[in-house]
N, C-alpha and C. Protein backbone atom coordinates (compact mmCIF):
# COMPACT_ATOMS: atom_id res chain seq x y z
N UNK A 1 114.34 98.87 90.23
CA UNK A 1 112.83 99.37 90.38
C UNK A 1 112.27 98.36 90.77
N UNK A 2 111.00 98.24 91.45
CA UNK A 2 109.76 97.43 91.71
C UNK A 2 108.82 97.53 91.31
N UNK A 3 108.64 98.19 90.33
CA UNK A 3 106.98 98.84 90.43
C UNK A 3 106.38 97.65 90.21
N UNK A 4 106.49 96.63 90.29
CA UNK A 4 105.77 95.10 90.17
C UNK A 4 104.55 94.78 90.84
N UNK A 5 104.87 95.55 92.48
CA UNK A 5 104.96 95.75 93.05
C UNK A 5 103.69 96.33 93.81
N UNK A 6 103.70 97.20 92.74
CA UNK A 6 102.31 98.34 92.93
C UNK A 6 101.04 98.43 92.75
N UNK A 7 100.79 97.41 91.80
CA UNK A 7 99.67 97.39 91.22
C UNK A 7 98.28 96.56 92.64
N UNK A 8 98.81 95.75 92.81
CA UNK A 8 97.81 95.03 93.57
C UNK A 8 97.43 95.67 94.71
N UNK A 9 98.53 96.12 95.50
CA UNK A 9 97.94 96.97 97.16
C UNK A 9 96.79 98.23 96.46
N UNK A 10 96.92 98.71 95.13
CA UNK A 10 96.16 99.95 95.04
C UNK A 10 95.19 99.55 94.68
N UNK A 11 94.90 98.78 94.15
CA UNK A 11 93.64 97.97 93.74
C UNK A 11 92.87 97.83 95.13
N UNK A 12 93.76 97.09 96.33
CA UNK A 12 92.76 96.92 96.95
C UNK A 12 92.45 97.66 98.29
N UNK A 13 92.69 98.62 97.79
CA UNK A 13 92.44 99.49 98.87
C UNK A 13 91.32 100.37 99.03
N UNK A 14 90.13 100.37 98.06
CA UNK A 14 89.15 100.98 98.11
C UNK A 14 88.08 99.83 98.98
N UNK A 15 88.63 98.39 98.93
CA UNK A 15 87.46 97.65 99.45
C UNK A 15 88.07 97.36 100.89
N UNK A 16 88.77 98.05 102.06
CA UNK A 16 89.24 97.56 103.04
C UNK A 16 87.87 98.43 103.78
N UNK A 17 87.41 99.41 103.56
CA UNK A 17 86.42 99.76 104.49
C UNK A 17 85.16 98.55 104.23
N UNK A 18 84.74 97.79 103.40
CA UNK A 18 83.59 96.74 103.55
C UNK A 18 82.50 97.72 103.32
N UNK A 19 81.17 96.78 103.02
CA UNK A 19 80.41 97.58 102.28
C UNK A 19 79.32 98.17 103.57
N UNK A 20 79.49 97.55 104.74
CA UNK A 20 78.64 97.98 106.15
C UNK A 20 78.75 99.40 106.74
N UNK A 21 80.56 99.97 106.00
CA UNK A 21 80.94 101.11 106.35
C UNK A 21 81.04 102.42 105.91
N UNK A 22 80.35 101.94 104.41
CA UNK A 22 80.41 102.97 103.25
C UNK A 22 79.70 104.22 103.26
N UNK A 23 78.57 104.07 103.89
CA UNK A 23 77.97 105.51 104.21
C UNK A 23 78.36 106.55 104.94
N UNK A 24 79.57 105.67 105.87
CA UNK A 24 80.04 106.84 107.18
C UNK A 24 81.66 107.00 106.56
N UNK A 25 82.13 106.60 105.36
CA UNK A 25 83.66 106.24 105.74
C UNK A 25 84.10 108.04 105.27
N UNK A 26 85.36 108.66 105.57
CA UNK A 26 86.04 109.51 105.21
C UNK A 26 86.84 109.40 104.08
N UNK A 27 87.10 109.95 102.92
CA UNK A 27 88.08 109.97 102.39
C UNK A 27 89.07 111.59 102.33
N UNK A 28 90.30 111.23 102.31
CA UNK A 28 91.45 111.61 102.52
C UNK A 28 92.25 112.13 101.70
N UNK A 29 92.95 113.63 101.40
CA UNK A 29 94.36 113.43 101.26
C UNK A 29 95.32 114.12 101.40
N UNK A 30 96.28 113.74 100.96
CA UNK A 30 97.65 114.92 102.39
C UNK A 30 98.78 114.91 101.53
N UNK A 31 99.58 116.29 102.02
CA UNK A 31 100.91 116.38 101.23
C UNK A 31 101.67 116.74 103.16
N UNK A 32 102.91 116.11 102.75
CA UNK A 32 103.85 116.78 103.56
C UNK A 32 105.08 116.76 103.37
N UNK A 33 106.18 117.50 104.72
CA UNK A 33 107.15 116.80 104.43
C UNK A 33 107.91 116.21 105.50
N UNK A 34 108.65 114.77 105.21
CA UNK A 34 109.54 114.02 106.26
C UNK A 34 111.15 114.85 105.87
N UNK A 35 111.61 114.10 107.55
CA UNK A 35 112.62 114.13 107.56
C UNK A 35 113.39 112.75 107.70
N UNK A 36 114.10 112.19 107.12
CA UNK A 36 114.32 110.50 107.85
C UNK A 36 116.06 110.17 107.55
N UNK A 37 116.34 109.39 108.61
CA UNK A 37 117.61 108.95 109.31
C UNK A 37 117.68 107.63 109.30
N UNK A 38 118.67 107.00 109.25
CA UNK A 38 118.63 105.77 109.19
C UNK A 38 119.27 105.33 111.05
N UNK A 39 119.18 104.19 111.29
CA UNK A 39 119.77 103.50 112.30
C UNK A 39 120.53 102.13 112.13
N UNK A 40 121.91 102.73 111.97
CA UNK A 40 122.62 101.92 111.54
C UNK A 40 123.19 101.40 112.88
N UNK A 41 123.33 99.90 112.34
CA UNK A 41 124.53 99.03 113.29
C UNK A 41 125.83 98.24 112.52
N UNK A 42 127.01 97.96 113.22
CA UNK A 42 127.81 97.31 112.69
C UNK A 42 128.87 98.20 111.59
N UNK A 43 128.80 99.36 112.07
CA UNK A 43 129.39 100.48 111.08
C UNK A 43 129.94 101.73 111.97
N UNK A 44 131.14 102.15 112.22
CA UNK A 44 131.57 103.40 112.34
C UNK A 44 131.27 104.75 111.47
N UNK A 45 130.15 105.35 112.43
CA UNK A 45 129.49 106.28 111.50
C UNK A 45 130.08 107.86 112.60
N UNK A 46 130.29 108.76 111.77
CA UNK A 46 130.99 110.07 112.04
C UNK A 46 129.82 110.70 112.49
N UNK A 47 129.12 110.87 112.07
CA UNK A 47 127.78 111.90 111.34
C UNK A 47 126.86 111.05 110.73
N UNK A 48 125.44 112.41 110.37
CA UNK A 48 124.92 111.34 109.45
C UNK A 48 124.25 112.79 109.08
N UNK A 49 123.70 113.02 107.77
CA UNK A 49 122.74 113.92 107.38
C UNK A 49 121.36 113.39 107.00
N UNK A 50 120.42 114.01 107.61
CA UNK A 50 118.79 113.55 107.55
C UNK A 50 118.87 113.13 105.93
N UNK A 51 117.69 112.68 105.02
CA UNK A 51 116.95 113.25 103.62
C UNK A 51 116.07 113.77 104.09
N UNK A 52 115.43 114.83 103.42
CA UNK A 52 114.14 115.53 103.15
C UNK A 52 113.51 115.29 102.23
N UNK A 53 112.42 115.39 102.23
CA UNK A 53 111.75 115.32 101.04
C UNK A 53 110.08 115.78 101.31
N UNK A 54 109.07 115.04 100.08
CA UNK A 54 108.15 115.27 100.00
C UNK A 54 107.26 113.94 100.51
N UNK A 55 105.98 113.56 100.96
CA UNK A 55 105.26 113.04 101.19
C UNK A 55 103.53 112.98 100.99
N UNK A 56 103.04 112.65 99.82
CA UNK A 56 101.81 112.28 99.69
C UNK A 56 101.15 111.23 100.05
N UNK A 57 99.49 111.24 100.10
CA UNK A 57 98.46 110.23 100.51
C UNK A 57 97.67 110.08 100.42
N UNK A 58 96.86 109.29 100.53
CA UNK A 58 95.25 109.19 100.48
C UNK A 58 95.20 107.95 101.32
N UNK A 59 93.97 108.48 101.79
CA UNK A 59 93.16 107.54 103.25
C UNK A 59 91.32 107.55 103.06
N UNK A 60 91.16 106.21 103.79
CA UNK A 60 89.99 105.82 104.11
C UNK A 60 89.70 105.60 105.57
N UNK A 61 88.67 106.96 105.92
CA UNK A 61 88.33 106.81 107.73
C UNK A 61 87.27 105.98 107.84
N UNK A 62 87.25 105.02 108.44
CA UNK A 62 86.49 104.33 109.05
C UNK A 62 85.90 104.65 110.78
N UNK A 63 84.86 104.57 110.91
CA UNK A 63 84.67 104.73 112.34
C UNK A 63 84.59 103.64 112.47
N UNK A 64 84.61 102.67 114.13
CA UNK A 64 84.59 101.98 114.73
C UNK A 64 83.54 101.89 116.43
N UNK A 65 83.94 102.92 116.64
CA UNK A 65 82.44 103.22 118.06
C UNK A 65 83.19 104.31 118.55
N UNK A 66 81.95 105.43 119.31
CA UNK A 66 82.36 106.81 119.29
C UNK A 66 83.70 107.29 119.20
N UNK A 67 84.29 107.85 119.44
CA UNK A 67 85.57 108.63 118.83
C UNK A 67 86.91 107.98 118.46
N UNK A 68 86.17 106.24 118.39
CA UNK A 68 87.60 105.60 117.58
C UNK A 68 87.27 105.11 116.12
N UNK A 69 88.40 105.07 115.60
CA UNK A 69 88.53 104.55 113.52
C UNK A 69 89.35 104.36 113.30
N UNK A 70 89.48 103.66 112.11
CA UNK A 70 90.61 103.63 111.48
C UNK A 70 91.31 103.97 110.29
N UNK A 71 92.05 104.47 110.22
CA UNK A 71 92.78 105.38 108.73
C UNK A 71 92.83 104.28 107.85
N UNK A 72 92.36 103.44 106.84
CA UNK A 72 93.82 102.71 106.05
C UNK A 72 94.19 103.96 104.95
N UNK A 73 95.14 103.46 104.52
CA UNK A 73 96.59 105.12 104.03
C UNK A 73 97.31 104.50 103.01
N UNK A 74 97.37 104.80 102.63
CA UNK A 74 98.58 104.63 100.68
C UNK A 74 99.50 106.11 100.58
N UNK A 75 100.44 105.50 100.71
CA UNK A 75 100.70 107.11 100.41
C UNK A 75 102.28 106.95 99.57
N UNK A 76 103.31 108.07 98.85
CA UNK A 76 104.37 107.83 98.40
C UNK A 76 104.99 108.59 99.55
N UNK A 77 106.77 108.15 99.48
CA UNK A 77 107.09 108.37 100.90
C UNK A 77 109.06 108.08 100.35
N UNK A 78 109.37 109.35 100.97
CA UNK A 78 111.36 109.13 100.50
C UNK A 78 111.72 108.63 101.58
N UNK A 79 112.88 107.94 101.91
CA UNK A 79 113.91 107.36 102.67
C UNK A 79 115.49 107.56 103.05
N UNK A 80 115.95 107.59 103.77
CA UNK A 80 117.37 107.31 103.27
C UNK A 80 118.30 108.50 104.46
N UNK A 81 119.37 108.79 104.30
CA UNK A 81 119.88 109.55 104.58
C UNK A 81 121.47 109.06 104.21
N UNK A 82 122.36 110.59 104.51
CA UNK A 82 123.49 110.63 104.21
C UNK A 82 124.73 110.47 105.32
N UNK A 83 125.43 109.02 105.87
CA UNK A 83 125.99 109.02 106.53
C UNK A 83 127.92 109.37 106.17
N UNK A 84 128.44 109.52 106.67
CA UNK A 84 130.26 109.61 106.61
C UNK A 84 130.41 109.00 107.58
N UNK A 85 131.54 107.63 107.22
CA UNK A 85 131.80 106.40 107.57
C UNK A 85 133.13 107.19 108.12
N UNK A 86 134.03 106.89 109.53
CA UNK A 86 135.11 107.51 109.81
C UNK A 86 136.27 106.51 108.65
N UNK A 87 137.26 107.96 108.18
CA UNK A 87 138.32 107.39 107.18
C UNK A 87 138.21 106.66 106.13
N UNK A 88 136.49 106.60 105.76
CA UNK A 88 136.17 105.90 104.31
C UNK A 88 135.16 107.32 103.37
N UNK A 89 134.61 107.88 103.98
CA UNK A 89 133.91 109.02 102.89
C UNK A 89 132.27 108.51 103.32
N UNK A 90 131.53 109.68 102.47
CA UNK A 90 129.93 109.40 102.53
C UNK A 90 129.96 108.42 102.22
N UNK A 91 128.15 107.88 102.68
CA UNK A 91 127.45 107.16 101.79
C UNK A 91 125.77 107.68 101.52
N UNK A 92 125.22 107.75 101.34
CA UNK A 92 123.66 108.04 100.77
C UNK A 92 122.80 106.97 99.94
N UNK A 93 122.53 106.79 100.97
CA UNK A 93 120.55 106.17 100.51
C UNK A 93 119.78 106.78 99.96
N UNK A 94 119.23 106.16 98.78
CA UNK A 94 118.19 107.47 98.58
C UNK A 94 117.15 106.16 97.82
N UNK A 95 115.94 106.32 98.53
CA UNK A 95 114.79 105.01 98.31
C UNK A 95 113.58 106.31 98.88
N UNK A 96 112.82 105.40 97.61
CA UNK A 96 111.72 105.69 97.65
C UNK A 96 110.28 104.20 98.39
N UNK A 97 109.62 104.39 98.43
CA UNK A 97 108.67 103.77 98.94
C UNK A 97 106.61 103.77 98.74
N UNK A 98 106.38 103.19 98.39
CA UNK A 98 104.74 103.13 98.74
C UNK A 98 104.76 102.61 99.67
N UNK A 99 103.28 103.38 100.90
CA UNK A 99 103.40 102.60 102.26
C UNK A 99 101.92 102.88 102.34
N UNK A 100 101.68 101.52 102.72
CA UNK A 100 100.30 101.20 102.75
C UNK A 100 100.28 100.94 104.58
N UNK A 101 98.85 101.71 105.30
CA UNK A 101 99.41 101.72 106.86
C UNK A 101 97.21 100.99 107.25
N UNK A 102 97.64 100.94 108.25
CA UNK A 102 95.99 100.62 108.99
C UNK A 102 95.85 101.04 110.29
N UNK A 103 95.90 102.43 110.50
CA UNK A 103 96.37 103.35 111.86
C UNK A 103 94.93 103.82 113.22
N UNK A 104 95.09 102.89 113.94
CA UNK A 104 93.83 102.85 115.17
C UNK A 104 93.38 104.96 115.50
N UNK A 105 92.31 105.38 115.14
CA UNK A 105 92.82 106.11 115.85
C UNK A 105 91.56 106.81 117.08
N UNK A 106 92.27 107.67 117.96
CA UNK A 106 91.20 107.89 119.14
C UNK A 106 91.03 109.29 119.19
N UNK A 107 89.90 110.07 119.04
CA UNK A 107 90.08 111.59 118.98
C UNK A 107 89.07 112.31 120.42
N UNK A 108 89.33 113.26 120.86
CA UNK A 108 88.40 113.98 121.50
C UNK A 108 88.12 115.42 121.06
N UNK A 109 86.69 115.63 120.87
CA UNK A 109 86.44 116.95 120.75
C UNK A 109 87.09 117.68 121.58
N UNK A 110 87.25 119.15 121.30
CA UNK A 110 87.97 120.59 121.77
C UNK A 110 86.80 121.69 121.74
N UNK A 111 86.33 121.95 120.39
CA UNK A 111 86.08 123.07 120.27
C UNK A 111 83.91 122.34 119.50
N UNK A 112 83.59 121.79 120.78
CA UNK A 112 81.64 120.91 120.39
C UNK A 112 82.48 120.24 119.67
N UNK A 113 81.71 120.36 118.07
CA UNK A 113 82.36 118.99 117.15
C UNK A 113 83.01 119.78 115.95
N UNK A 114 83.46 120.90 116.28
CA UNK A 114 84.08 122.04 114.98
C UNK A 114 85.68 121.10 115.30
N UNK A 115 86.27 121.23 116.34
CA UNK A 115 88.06 120.73 116.36
C UNK A 115 88.04 120.04 117.49
N UNK A 116 89.11 118.79 116.81
CA UNK A 116 89.36 117.60 117.58
C UNK A 116 90.51 117.77 117.25
N UNK A 117 91.25 117.13 118.53
CA UNK A 117 92.58 116.08 118.65
C UNK A 117 92.21 114.72 118.25
N UNK A 118 93.35 113.90 117.71
CA UNK A 118 93.66 112.40 117.54
C UNK A 118 94.78 111.96 117.79
N UNK A 119 94.88 110.88 118.71
CA UNK A 119 95.83 110.31 118.79
C UNK A 119 95.99 108.93 117.59
N UNK A 120 97.10 108.22 116.70
CA UNK A 120 97.17 107.63 115.70
C UNK A 120 98.22 106.77 116.15
N UNK A 121 98.47 105.22 115.78
CA UNK A 121 99.55 104.71 116.13
C UNK A 121 99.15 103.16 115.43
N UNK A 122 99.96 102.50 114.51
CA UNK A 122 99.30 101.08 113.67
C UNK A 122 100.74 100.48 112.88
N UNK A 123 100.59 100.12 112.44
CA UNK A 123 101.66 98.95 111.20
C UNK A 123 101.51 100.00 110.42
N UNK A 124 102.87 99.48 109.45
CA UNK A 124 102.59 100.05 107.89
C UNK A 124 103.93 99.26 107.04
N UNK A 125 103.65 98.80 105.54
CA UNK A 125 103.87 98.11 104.91
C UNK A 125 104.13 98.97 103.46
N UNK A 126 105.83 98.73 103.22
CA UNK A 126 106.05 99.43 102.08
C UNK A 126 106.41 98.98 101.04
N UNK A 127 106.54 99.17 100.27
CA UNK A 127 106.92 98.57 99.05
C UNK A 127 108.41 99.48 98.14
N UNK A 128 109.09 98.93 97.96
CA UNK A 128 109.89 99.90 97.27
C UNK A 128 110.55 99.93 96.06
N UNK A 129 110.05 101.03 95.37
CA UNK A 129 110.06 101.38 93.88
C UNK A 129 111.14 101.82 93.64
N UNK A 130 112.29 102.37 94.54
CA UNK A 130 113.43 102.69 93.75
C UNK A 130 114.78 103.13 94.81
N UNK A 131 115.75 102.79 94.48
CA UNK A 131 116.78 102.53 96.11
C UNK A 131 118.21 102.77 94.87
N UNK A 132 118.90 104.22 95.44
CA UNK A 132 120.10 104.28 94.90
C UNK A 132 120.86 104.84 96.11
N UNK A 133 122.29 103.87 95.60
CA UNK A 133 123.63 104.34 96.94
C UNK A 133 124.44 105.06 95.99
N UNK A 134 124.91 106.22 96.68
CA UNK A 134 126.25 107.03 96.48
C UNK A 134 126.98 106.97 97.70
N UNK A 135 128.18 106.71 96.55
CA UNK A 135 129.15 106.19 97.46
C UNK A 135 130.71 107.58 97.54
N UNK A 136 131.12 108.41 98.21
CA UNK A 136 132.20 109.29 97.45
C UNK A 136 133.24 109.41 98.65
N UNK A 137 134.51 108.60 98.03
CA UNK A 137 135.47 108.32 98.78
C UNK A 137 136.06 109.34 99.22
N UNK A 138 136.50 109.35 100.51
CA UNK A 138 137.24 111.17 100.72
C UNK A 138 138.56 110.77 100.63
N UNK A 139 139.66 110.02 100.49
CA UNK A 139 140.73 109.63 100.01
C UNK A 139 141.33 110.00 98.24
N UNK A 140 139.58 109.84 97.55
CA UNK A 140 140.26 109.71 95.80
C UNK A 140 138.84 110.32 95.18
N UNK A 141 138.90 111.42 94.83
CA UNK A 141 137.88 111.79 94.04
C UNK A 141 137.01 110.82 93.19
N UNK A 142 136.26 110.20 93.71
CA UNK A 142 135.61 108.94 93.37
C UNK A 142 134.48 108.90 93.47
N UNK A 143 133.76 108.58 93.38
CA UNK A 143 131.93 108.36 93.77
C UNK A 143 131.27 107.27 92.33
N UNK A 144 131.14 106.01 93.50
CA UNK A 144 130.41 105.04 93.29
C UNK A 144 128.48 105.54 93.23
N UNK A 145 127.68 104.83 91.99
CA UNK A 145 126.33 105.13 92.08
C UNK A 145 126.19 103.28 91.68
N UNK A 146 124.94 103.06 92.31
CA UNK A 146 124.75 102.31 92.28
C UNK A 146 123.08 102.06 92.85
N UNK A 147 122.03 101.22 91.76
CA UNK A 147 120.81 100.84 92.20
C UNK A 147 121.17 99.66 92.86
N UNK A 148 120.34 99.69 94.16
CA UNK A 148 120.55 98.78 94.93
C UNK A 148 119.88 97.53 95.00
N UNK A 149 118.80 96.81 93.90
CA UNK A 149 118.59 95.81 94.01
C UNK A 149 119.79 95.32 92.55
N UNK A 150 120.42 96.07 92.11
CA UNK A 150 121.51 95.42 91.28
C UNK A 150 122.37 94.29 91.40
N UNK A 151 122.47 93.25 91.21
CA UNK A 151 123.20 91.84 90.99
C UNK A 151 124.22 92.05 91.60
N UNK A 152 124.72 93.12 91.11
CA UNK A 152 126.70 93.00 92.16
C UNK A 152 126.81 94.05 92.86
N UNK A 153 125.74 94.53 93.80
CA UNK A 153 125.82 94.79 94.53
C UNK A 153 125.63 94.37 96.01
N UNK A 154 126.46 95.04 96.63
CA UNK A 154 127.10 93.64 98.23
C UNK A 154 126.45 94.29 98.89
N UNK A 155 125.25 94.78 99.09
CA UNK A 155 124.58 95.03 100.10
C UNK A 155 122.92 95.56 100.03
N UNK A 156 122.21 94.73 99.04
CA UNK A 156 121.12 94.39 98.11
C UNK A 156 119.73 95.31 99.77
N UNK A 157 118.80 95.81 98.65
CA UNK A 157 117.67 96.29 99.99
C UNK A 157 116.32 95.39 99.47
N UNK A 158 115.93 94.72 100.53
CA UNK A 158 114.53 94.32 100.12
C UNK A 158 113.99 95.03 99.75
N UNK A 159 113.18 94.36 98.88
CA UNK A 159 112.01 94.74 98.52
C UNK A 159 110.69 95.05 99.04
N UNK A 160 110.62 94.74 100.18
CA UNK A 160 109.29 94.85 101.75
C UNK A 160 110.27 95.21 102.78
N UNK A 161 109.14 96.67 103.10
CA UNK A 161 109.89 96.53 104.28
C UNK A 161 109.02 96.95 105.81
N UNK A 162 109.31 96.79 106.25
CA UNK A 162 108.04 97.23 107.72
C UNK A 162 108.44 97.95 108.87
N UNK A 163 107.19 99.14 109.48
CA UNK A 163 107.62 99.74 110.19
C UNK A 163 106.40 99.80 110.92
N UNK A 164 106.59 100.58 112.27
CA UNK A 164 105.74 100.82 113.08
C UNK A 164 105.29 102.58 113.51
N UNK A 165 104.03 103.28 112.85
CA UNK A 165 103.94 104.34 113.29
C UNK A 165 103.19 104.96 114.06
N UNK A 166 103.42 106.48 114.90
CA UNK A 166 102.50 107.12 115.94
C UNK A 166 102.73 108.27 115.91
N UNK A 167 100.94 109.02 116.29
CA UNK A 167 101.37 110.38 116.78
C UNK A 167 100.12 110.81 116.20
N UNK A 168 100.40 112.14 116.45
CA UNK A 168 99.17 113.41 116.96
C UNK A 168 98.68 114.02 115.90
N UNK A 169 97.84 114.04 115.92
CA UNK A 169 97.15 115.41 114.76
C UNK A 169 95.80 116.38 115.33
N UNK A 170 95.40 117.32 114.36
CA UNK A 170 93.81 118.34 114.93
C UNK A 170 93.09 117.84 113.39
N UNK A 171 91.26 117.80 114.08
CA UNK A 171 90.43 118.10 112.68
C UNK A 171 89.87 119.05 112.77
N UNK A 172 89.72 120.09 111.84
CA UNK A 172 89.03 120.84 112.09
C UNK A 172 87.79 121.28 111.09
N UNK A 173 86.40 121.28 111.36
CA UNK A 173 85.21 121.42 110.53
C UNK A 173 85.32 122.16 109.22
N UNK A 174 84.94 122.11 108.49
CA UNK A 174 85.25 123.39 107.36
C UNK A 174 83.52 123.59 106.95
N UNK A 175 82.86 122.75 107.53
CA UNK A 175 81.90 122.50 106.33
C UNK A 175 81.50 121.07 107.02
N UNK A 176 79.80 120.58 107.14
CA UNK A 176 79.44 119.58 107.43
C UNK A 176 79.84 118.47 106.76
N UNK A 177 80.73 118.31 105.03
CA UNK A 177 80.89 117.16 104.83
C UNK A 177 82.36 117.62 104.67
N UNK A 178 83.11 119.01 104.56
CA UNK A 178 84.45 118.52 105.00
C UNK A 178 85.39 119.56 105.72
N UNK A 179 86.61 118.55 105.69
CA UNK A 179 87.96 118.59 106.83
C UNK A 179 88.82 119.26 106.71
N UNK A 180 89.51 119.91 107.78
CA UNK A 180 90.97 120.07 107.02
C UNK A 180 91.75 119.49 108.34
N UNK A 181 93.08 119.36 107.94
CA UNK A 181 93.82 117.91 108.80
C UNK A 181 95.33 118.18 109.06
N UNK A 182 95.46 118.02 110.04
CA UNK A 182 96.91 118.41 110.37
C UNK A 182 97.54 116.58 111.04
N UNK A 183 98.69 116.44 110.86
CA UNK A 183 99.23 115.68 111.74
C UNK A 183 100.66 115.29 111.53
N UNK A 184 101.24 115.01 113.18
CA UNK A 184 102.48 114.65 112.88
C UNK A 184 102.95 113.59 113.13
N UNK A 185 103.45 112.58 112.67
CA UNK A 185 103.78 110.75 112.43
C UNK A 185 105.22 111.00 112.77
N UNK A 186 105.30 110.20 113.68
CA UNK A 186 106.82 109.30 113.89
C UNK A 186 106.60 107.88 113.67
N UNK A 187 107.77 107.77 113.04
CA UNK A 187 107.69 106.10 111.89
C UNK A 187 108.88 105.70 112.18
N UNK A 188 109.29 104.39 112.65
CA UNK A 188 110.60 103.65 112.72
C UNK A 188 110.16 102.12 112.08
N UNK A 189 110.97 101.50 111.46
CA UNK A 189 111.19 100.15 110.66
C UNK A 189 111.78 99.37 111.56
N UNK A 190 110.95 98.30 111.76
CA UNK A 190 111.48 96.95 112.88
C UNK A 190 111.78 95.96 112.74
N UNK A 191 112.46 96.08 111.03
CA UNK A 191 113.62 95.45 111.13
C UNK A 191 114.05 96.24 109.90
N UNK A 192 115.86 95.17 109.61
CA UNK A 192 116.58 95.83 108.67
C UNK A 192 116.15 95.36 107.37
N UNK A 193 116.42 96.79 106.55
CA UNK A 193 116.16 96.61 105.00
C UNK A 193 116.80 95.64 104.19
N UNK A 194 118.46 95.14 104.85
CA UNK A 194 119.06 95.08 103.95
C UNK A 194 118.64 93.80 104.19
N UNK A 195 119.15 92.76 102.52
CA UNK A 195 118.00 91.78 102.11
C UNK A 195 118.91 90.80 102.39
N UNK A 196 120.69 90.59 102.42
CA UNK A 196 121.93 89.49 102.67
C UNK A 196 121.60 89.57 104.14
N UNK A 197 122.59 88.41 104.45
CA UNK A 197 122.98 88.28 105.51
C UNK A 197 124.10 88.59 106.00
N UNK A 198 124.14 89.70 107.27
CA UNK A 198 125.04 90.65 107.38
C UNK A 198 125.18 91.28 108.71
N UNK A 199 126.37 91.59 108.73
CA UNK A 199 126.45 91.72 110.35
C UNK A 199 126.24 93.72 109.96
N UNK A 200 125.97 94.30 109.45
CA UNK A 200 125.93 95.68 109.37
C UNK A 200 124.27 95.48 109.39
N UNK A 201 123.32 96.43 110.06
CA UNK A 201 122.08 96.58 109.87
C UNK A 201 121.53 98.01 109.53
N UNK A 202 120.61 98.18 108.67
CA UNK A 202 119.61 99.66 108.95
C UNK A 202 118.10 99.10 108.74
N UNK A 203 117.55 100.39 109.35
CA UNK A 203 116.45 100.50 109.23
C UNK A 203 116.04 102.45 109.75
N UNK A 204 114.68 102.21 108.76
CA UNK A 204 114.12 103.50 108.62
C UNK A 204 113.78 104.50 109.52
N UNK A 205 114.52 105.26 109.54
CA UNK A 205 113.28 106.24 111.42
C UNK A 205 113.33 107.71 110.34
N UNK A 206 112.14 107.96 110.33
CA UNK A 206 111.52 109.52 109.84
C UNK A 206 110.49 109.98 111.13
N UNK A 207 110.27 111.82 111.13
CA UNK A 207 109.43 112.74 111.24
C UNK A 207 108.46 113.06 109.73
N UNK A 208 107.35 112.99 110.11
CA UNK A 208 106.50 113.93 109.17
C UNK A 208 105.40 114.65 109.58
N UNK A 209 105.72 115.86 108.78
CA UNK A 209 104.34 116.59 109.21
C UNK A 209 103.18 117.28 107.88
N UNK A 210 102.36 116.04 108.02
CA UNK A 210 101.42 116.46 107.05
C UNK A 210 99.95 117.50 107.43
N UNK A 211 99.13 117.85 106.38
CA UNK A 211 98.33 118.33 105.94
C UNK A 211 97.59 118.31 104.99
N UNK A 212 96.38 117.76 104.79
CA UNK A 212 94.91 117.80 104.26
C UNK A 212 93.77 117.97 104.74
N UNK A 213 93.18 117.17 103.26
CA UNK A 213 91.47 117.70 103.92
C UNK A 213 90.65 115.95 103.25
N UNK A 214 89.52 116.48 104.66
CA UNK A 214 88.97 115.14 104.21
C UNK A 214 87.77 115.20 104.02
N UNK A 215 87.02 114.36 102.97
CA UNK A 215 85.73 114.84 102.35
C UNK A 215 84.24 113.44 102.97
N UNK A 216 83.41 113.74 103.91
CA UNK A 216 82.72 112.69 104.70
C UNK A 216 81.67 112.36 103.44
N UNK A 217 81.52 111.02 103.63
CA UNK A 217 80.39 110.66 102.55
C UNK A 217 79.35 109.72 102.85
N UNK A 218 78.17 109.86 102.85
CA UNK A 218 76.97 109.98 103.16
C UNK A 218 76.80 110.85 104.05
């Protein structure tokens, strides 16, 4: 468990907008479904099944100029997959993160000011809250389940992961302050999340479909 990493980033999120943008910010909440897999090198993998799960998020949208803005976000995500290794068995990684992101947003109106579409791109930092690795051997009915941060684990995972996010979406104004939003986001880890120096590397990759509500402040 890495819960000690959680408190400080959550406390800092409301400060990201800054005083000058306080009257223009948009607060958002979203829920979605994700499908993730691992990009693995150094192992002979026969097949891989993605891990599917839910994604929850909150955000602060800050206009910059015209149709440009920045979305500061925080959310809970699940990552991992089940990999079938040749002549060995299945290895299942189940990883939970708190994710913090800063995404540049470029939007364009479609129907007046009521409907708009947008593009998103930017970096994300992830703090691991839990991780389990389950191995099921093909030649013996044996299952091994270990915590990834166990000192005895031979492939410990890092408490911090970094990724690049990009995607597109649409926003529908449902009133003077309330809006509905739908985003499709692709994310890719930029480094291996294995902590030790190994020839084998693993990075996260995922697709997320997210729906949410935006509330304009001011």
